[in-house]
Structures are given as C-alpha cells and as structure tokens.
C-alpha cells in the first residue's frame, strides 16, 4: 500500500470506522470470486474460460467499491453489495442518493487488500481456477489461500 494511502487511513477516527482486516479482505475476495465462478458455464472452451478469468480478476476489486457497510453486523457480513437498513430507510425518506453513494474508506481499504492479494497470488488463483474448472477439486478459494499462506 502506498504511503499516501496509509496516511489517509491513519487520520480516520477509530471510534467511528471499523476498517476491514487483511483476513476479511481475503475472505471477501474468495467469496466474490467463488460467487462469479458458480455462474460460469464449465462447458465453455479453455480459451473462453481464460478470457473470463482475466476479466473477473480485473473487475472483482473494483466491484468492492460498491459494497455497503452494515454496522449492525460483524465480520465479513458487515461488507455487502446490498443496502443496509439505514440506507433503505434514507431511500424511503427520499433523501438524495448522491449524499451517500461515494465509496466509504472501509470499502476503499477492501479494494486495496483485494488488489494486493490478486497481485501477489495471481498464479495461485489461476491454479485454483483451473483445478476447479476441470472439476479436480472442490476446495474453496479461501481454503486454497490458507494453503498458499501457511503451508508454503
């Protein structure tokens, strides 16, 4: 992470913000990749699958900027693309959406973690993908990440 990013996040009031941990970032990335993988038609050719994987890895981190913070939840459940109860209430009150649609610092941090993980473990993610694509394993990406991080 760049020094400017670290300085930006260090100025945040810790009482109001619950920054994601690297572990939460990894689990959320795993969950998001597995969610899109479940929609992939595994009968497509290898070339199309490779293009699909590249596209997903390029966009999955960007999508995290659209996540909402659910302060009433804990762990990775507090980060979701679904609107929180508070936001639903504000929409029902017809509050202008542009007041709250900017990405939060928490989701910006999720995106940074996501980009770092993909950059560092891209070949391991590809290995997992091809094993999964060929039905050689049912391991989740989170389990595979655990092996990458702790058993190397």
C-alpha atoms as a PDB file:
ATOM      1  CA  UNK A   1       0.000   0.000   0.000  1.00  0.00           C
ATOM      2  CA  UNK A   2       1.308   3.437  -0.885  1.00  0.00           C
ATOM      3  CA  UNK A   3       2.448   5.816   1.856  1.00  0.00           C
ATOM      4  CA  UNK A   4      -0.244   8.334   0.864  1.00  0.00           C
ATOM      5  CA  UNK A   5      -2.924   5.666   1.383  1.00  0.00           C
ATOM      6  CA  UNK A   6      -1.531   4.797   4.810  1.00  0.00           C
ATOM      7  CA  UNK A   7      -1.546   8.459   5.825  1.00  0.00           C
ATOM      8  CA  UNK A   8      -5.085   8.903   4.502  1.00  0.00           C
ATOM      9  CA  UNK A   9      -6.394   5.976   6.536  1.00  0.00           C
ATOM     10  CA  UNK A  10      -4.405   6.794   9.683  1.00  0.00           C
ATOM     11  CA  UNK A  11      -6.283  10.099  10.023  1.00  0.00           C
ATOM     12  CA  UNK A  12      -9.640   8.366  10.401  1.00  0.00           C
ATOM     13  CA  UNK A  13     -11.359   8.431  13.772  1.00  0.00           C
ATOM     14  CA  UNK A  14     -11.058   4.861  15.004  1.00  0.00           C
ATOM     15  CA  UNK A  15     -14.230   5.212  17.102  1.00  0.00           C
ATOM     16  CA  UNK A  16     -16.479   5.626  14.072  1.00  0.00           C
ATOM     17  CA  UNK A  17     -14.767   3.437  11.490  1.00  0.00           C
ATOM     18  CA  UNK A  18     -14.274  -0.319  11.560  1.00  0.00           C
ATOM     19  CA  UNK A  19     -11.578  -0.923   8.973  1.00  0.00           C
ATOM     20  CA  UNK A  20     -11.506  -4.370   7.390  1.00  0.00           C
ATOM     21  CA  UNK A  21      -8.644  -6.662   8.276  1.00  0.00           C
ATOM     22  CA  UNK A  22      -6.455  -8.319   5.651  1.00  0.00           C
ATOM     23  CA  UNK A  23      -8.100 -11.604   6.606  1.00  0.00           C
ATOM     24  CA  UNK A  24     -11.570 -10.167   5.956  1.00  0.00           C
ATOM     25  CA  UNK A  25     -10.341  -8.773   2.631  1.00  0.00           C
ATOM     26  CA  UNK A  26      -9.062 -12.205   1.631  1.00  0.00           C
ATOM     27  CA  UNK A  27     -12.286 -13.953   2.668  1.00  0.00           C
ATOM     28  CA  UNK A  28     -14.441 -11.412   0.846  1.00  0.00           C
ATOM     29  CA  UNK A  29     -12.300 -11.727  -2.290  1.00  0.00           C
ATOM     30  CA  UNK A  30     -12.626 -15.517  -2.071  1.00  0.00           C
ATOM     31  CA  UNK A  31     -16.386 -15.267  -1.633  1.00  0.00           C
ATOM     32  CA  UNK A  32     -16.775 -12.892  -4.576  1.00  0.00           C
ATOM     33  CA  UNK A  33     -14.632 -14.992  -6.929  1.00  0.00           C
ATOM     34  CA  UNK A  34     -16.495 -18.150  -5.927  1.00  0.00           C
ATOM     35  CA  UNK A  35     -19.836 -16.414  -6.462  1.00  0.00           C
ATOM     36  CA  UNK A  36     -18.950 -15.420 -10.018  1.00  0.00           C
ATOM     37  CA  UNK A  37     -17.321 -18.820 -10.626  1.00  0.00           C
ATOM     38  CA  UNK A  38     -20.585 -20.552  -9.735  1.00  0.00           C
ATOM     39  CA  UNK A  39     -22.197 -18.710 -12.667  1.00  0.00           C
ATOM     40  CA  UNK A  40     -19.551 -19.848 -15.169  1.00  0.00           C
ATOM     41  CA  UNK A  41     -20.601 -22.432 -17.713  1.00  0.00           C
ATOM     42  CA  UNK A  42     -17.857 -25.039 -17.297  1.00  0.00           C
ATOM     43  CA  UNK A  43     -18.651 -26.442 -20.725  1.00  0.00           C
ATOM     44  CA  UNK A  44     -17.031 -23.471 -22.446  1.00  0.00           C
ATOM     45  CA  UNK A  45     -13.647 -23.895 -24.050  1.00  0.00           C
ATOM     46  CA  UNK A  46     -10.338 -23.301 -22.317  1.00  0.00           C
ATOM     47  CA  UNK A  47      -9.681 -20.118 -24.304  1.00  0.00           C
ATOM     48  CA  UNK A  48     -13.046 -18.602 -23.328  1.00  0.00           C
ATOM     49  CA  UNK A  49     -12.509 -19.655 -19.714  1.00  0.00           C
ATOM     50  CA  UNK A  50      -9.117 -17.950 -19.682  1.00  0.00           C
ATOM     51  CA  UNK A  51     -10.630 -14.717 -21.019  1.00  0.00           C
ATOM     52  CA  UNK A  52     -13.417 -14.970 -18.454  1.00  0.00           C
ATOM     53  CA  UNK A  53     -10.923 -15.395 -15.595  1.00  0.00           C
ATOM     54  CA  UNK A  54      -8.851 -12.407 -16.709  1.00  0.00           C
ATOM     55  CA  UNK A  55     -11.986 -10.239 -16.902  1.00  0.00           C
ATOM     56  CA  UNK A  56     -13.129 -11.324 -13.443  1.00  0.00           C
ATOM     57  CA  UNK A  57      -9.754 -10.656 -11.834  1.00  0.00           C
ATOM     58  CA  UNK A  58      -9.699  -7.205 -13.427  1.00  0.00           C
ATOM     59  CA  UNK A  59     -13.150  -6.231 -12.142  1.00  0.00           C
ATOM     60  CA  UNK A  60     -13.667  -8.042  -8.816  1.00  0.00           C
ATOM     61  CA  UNK A  61     -11.705  -5.477  -6.773  1.00  0.00           C
ATOM     62  CA  UNK A  62     -13.412  -2.549  -8.460  1.00  0.00           C
ATOM     63  CA  UNK A  63     -16.790  -4.034  -7.526  1.00  0.00           C
ATOM     64  CA  UNK A  64     -15.856  -3.862  -3.850  1.00  0.00           C
ATOM     65  CA  UNK A  65     -16.194  -0.083  -4.049  1.00  0.00           C
ATOM     66  CA  UNK A  66     -19.944  -0.667  -4.414  1.00  0.00           C
ATOM     67  CA  UNK A  67     -20.136  -2.566  -1.130  1.00  0.00           C
ATOM     68  CA  UNK A  68     -22.111  -1.076   1.721  1.00  0.00           C
ATOM     69  CA  UNK A  69     -21.183  -1.145   5.393  1.00  0.00           C
ATOM     70  CA  UNK A  70     -23.656  -2.870   7.702  1.00  0.00           C
ATOM     71  CA  UNK A  71     -22.625  -1.616  11.141  1.00  0.00           C
ATOM     72  CA  UNK A  72     -25.211  -3.858  12.798  1.00  0.00           C
ATOM     73  CA  UNK A  73     -23.328  -6.959  11.559  1.00  0.00           C
ATOM     74  CA  UNK A  74     -19.875  -8.287  12.349  1.00  0.00           C
ATOM     75  CA  UNK A  75     -17.022  -9.959  10.488  1.00  0.00           C
ATOM     76  CA  UNK A  76     -17.233 -10.219   6.728  1.00  0.00           C
ATOM     77  CA  UNK A  77     -21.024  -9.983   6.912  1.00  0.00           C
ATOM     78  CA  UNK A  78     -20.712  -6.251   7.597  1.00  0.00           C
ATOM     79  CA  UNK A  79     -19.486  -5.810   3.990  1.00  0.00           C
ATOM     80  CA  UNK A  80     -22.110  -6.478   1.344  1.00  0.00           C
ATOM     81  CA  UNK A  81     -23.244  -5.091  -2.009  1.00  0.00           C
ATOM     82  CA  UNK A  82     -26.765  -4.930  -0.540  1.00  0.00           C
ATOM     83  CA  UNK A  83     -28.022  -1.707   1.001  1.00  0.00           C
ATOM     84  CA  UNK A  84     -28.002  -1.519   4.782  1.00  0.00           C
ATOM     85  CA  UNK A  85     -31.146  -0.924   6.836  1.00  0.00           C
ATOM     86  CA  UNK A  86     -30.062   2.674   7.369  1.00  0.00           C
ATOM     87  CA  UNK A  87     -29.669   3.280   3.637  1.00  0.00           C
ATOM     88  CA  UNK A  88     -33.024   1.667   2.885  1.00  0.00           C
ATOM     89  CA  UNK A  89     -34.621   3.987   5.439  1.00  0.00           C
ATOM     90  CA  UNK A  90     -32.935   7.026   3.873  1.00  0.00           C
ATOM     91  CA  UNK A  91     -34.153   5.967   0.429  1.00  0.00           C
ATOM     92  CA  UNK A  92     -37.672   5.537   1.787  1.00  0.00           C
ATOM     93  CA  UNK A  93     -37.434   9.080   3.171  1.00  0.00           C
ATOM     94  CA  UNK A  94     -36.413  10.201  -0.338  1.00  0.00           C
ATOM     95  CA  UNK A  95     -33.048  11.565   0.765  1.00  0.00           C
ATOM     96  CA  UNK A  96     -30.847  12.468  -2.231  1.00  0.00           C
ATOM     97  CA  UNK A  97     -28.766   9.415  -3.135  1.00  0.00           C
ATOM     98  CA  UNK A  98     -25.689  11.433  -4.059  1.00  0.00           C
ATOM     99  CA  UNK A  99     -25.229  12.198  -0.351  1.00  0.00           C
ATOM    100  CA  UNK A 100     -24.200   8.622   0.450  1.00  0.00           C
ATOM    101  CA  UNK A 101     -23.212   6.846  -2.764  1.00  0.00           C
ATOM    102  CA  UNK A 102     -19.479   7.645  -2.570  1.00  0.00           C
ATOM    103  CA  UNK A 103     -17.332   4.661  -1.547  1.00  0.00           C
ATOM    104  CA  UNK A 104     -16.533   4.545   2.151  1.00  0.00           C
ATOM    105  CA  UNK A 105     -12.979   4.371   3.465  1.00  0.00           C
ATOM    106  CA  UNK A 106     -13.713   0.803   4.539  1.00  0.00           C
ATOM    107  CA  UNK A 107     -14.604  -0.275   1.013  1.00  0.00           C
ATOM    108  CA  UNK A 108     -11.607   1.591  -0.376  1.00  0.00           C
ATOM    109  CA  UNK A 109      -9.429  -0.443   2.001  1.00  0.00           C
ATOM    110  CA  UNK A 110     -11.176  -3.648   0.881  1.00  0.00           C
ATOM    111  CA  UNK A 111     -10.330  -2.744  -2.697  1.00  0.00           C
ATOM    112  CA  UNK A 112      -6.664  -2.135  -1.770  1.00  0.00           C
ATOM    113  CA  UNK A 113      -6.451  -5.501   0.006  1.00  0.00           C
ATOM    114  CA  UNK A 114      -8.111  -7.192  -2.960  1.00  0.00           C
ATOM    115  CA  UNK A 115      -5.675  -5.677  -5.451  1.00  0.00           C
ATOM    116  CA  UNK A 116      -2.697  -6.607  -3.270  1.00  0.00           C
ATOM    117  CA  UNK A 117      -3.858 -10.213  -2.875  1.00  0.00           C
ATOM    118  CA  UNK A 118      -4.528 -10.664  -6.585  1.00  0.00           C
ATOM    119  CA  UNK A 119      -1.190  -9.107  -7.493  1.00  0.00           C
ATOM    120  CA  UNK A 120       0.708 -11.291  -5.032  1.00  0.00           C
ATOM    121  CA  UNK A 121      -1.194 -14.569  -5.569  1.00  0.00           C
ATOM    122  CA  UNK A 122      -2.387 -14.372  -9.173  1.00  0.00           C
ATOM    123  CA  UNK A 123      -0.680 -17.606 -10.225  1.00  0.00           C
ATOM    124  CA  UNK A 124      -2.132 -19.466  -7.212  1.00  0.00           C
ATOM    125  CA  UNK A 125      -5.610 -18.129  -8.024  1.00  0.00           C
ATOM    126  CA  UNK A 126      -5.184 -19.309 -11.618  1.00  0.00           C
ATOM    127  CA  UNK A 127      -4.059 -22.759 -10.400  1.00  0.00           C
ATOM    128  CA  UNK A 128      -7.136 -22.995  -8.160  1.00  0.00           C
ATOM    129  CA  UNK A 129      -9.357 -21.844 -11.024  1.00  0.00           C
ATOM    130  CA  UNK A 130      -8.078 -24.456 -13.474  1.00  0.00           C
ATOM    131  CA  UNK A 131      -8.379 -27.274 -10.922  1.00  0.00           C
ATOM    132  CA  UNK A 132     -11.892 -26.136 -10.138  1.00  0.00           C
ATOM    133  CA  UNK A 133     -12.731 -25.660 -13.825  1.00  0.00           C
ATOM    134  CA  UNK A 134     -11.616 -29.205 -14.608  1.00  0.00           C
ATOM    135  CA  UNK A 135     -13.523 -30.498 -11.539  1.00  0.00           C
ATOM    136  CA  UNK A 136     -10.345 -31.802  -9.934  1.00  0.00           C
ATOM    137  CA  UNK A 137     -11.077 -30.138  -6.620  1.00  0.00           C
ATOM    138  CA  UNK A 138     -13.999 -28.831  -4.628  1.00  0.00           C
ATOM    139  CA  UNK A 139     -11.753 -26.747  -2.364  1.00  0.00           C
ATOM    140  CA  UNK A 140     -12.983 -23.240  -1.877  1.00  0.00           C
ATOM    141  CA  UNK A 141     -10.646 -20.422  -2.762  1.00  0.00           C
ATOM    142  CA  UNK A 142     -10.452 -19.487   0.933  1.00  0.00           C
ATOM    143  CA  UNK A 143      -9.136 -22.981   1.739  1.00  0.00           C
ATOM    144  CA  UNK A 144      -6.661 -22.686  -1.111  1.00  0.00           C
ATOM    145  CA  UNK A 145      -5.495 -19.285   0.178  1.00  0.00           C
ATOM    146  CA  UNK A 146      -4.922 -20.851   3.598  1.00  0.00           C
ATOM    147  CA  UNK A 147      -2.648 -23.433   1.979  1.00  0.00           C
ATOM    148  CA  UNK A 148      -0.812 -20.735  -0.011  1.00  0.00           C
ATOM    149  CA  UNK A 149      -0.225 -18.583   3.052  1.00  0.00           C
ATOM    150  CA  UNK A 150       0.522 -21.112   5.759  1.00  0.00           C
ATOM    151  CA  UNK A 151       1.863 -24.242   4.094  1.00  0.00           C
ATOM    152  CA  UNK A 152       4.404 -22.740   1.706  1.00  0.00           C
END
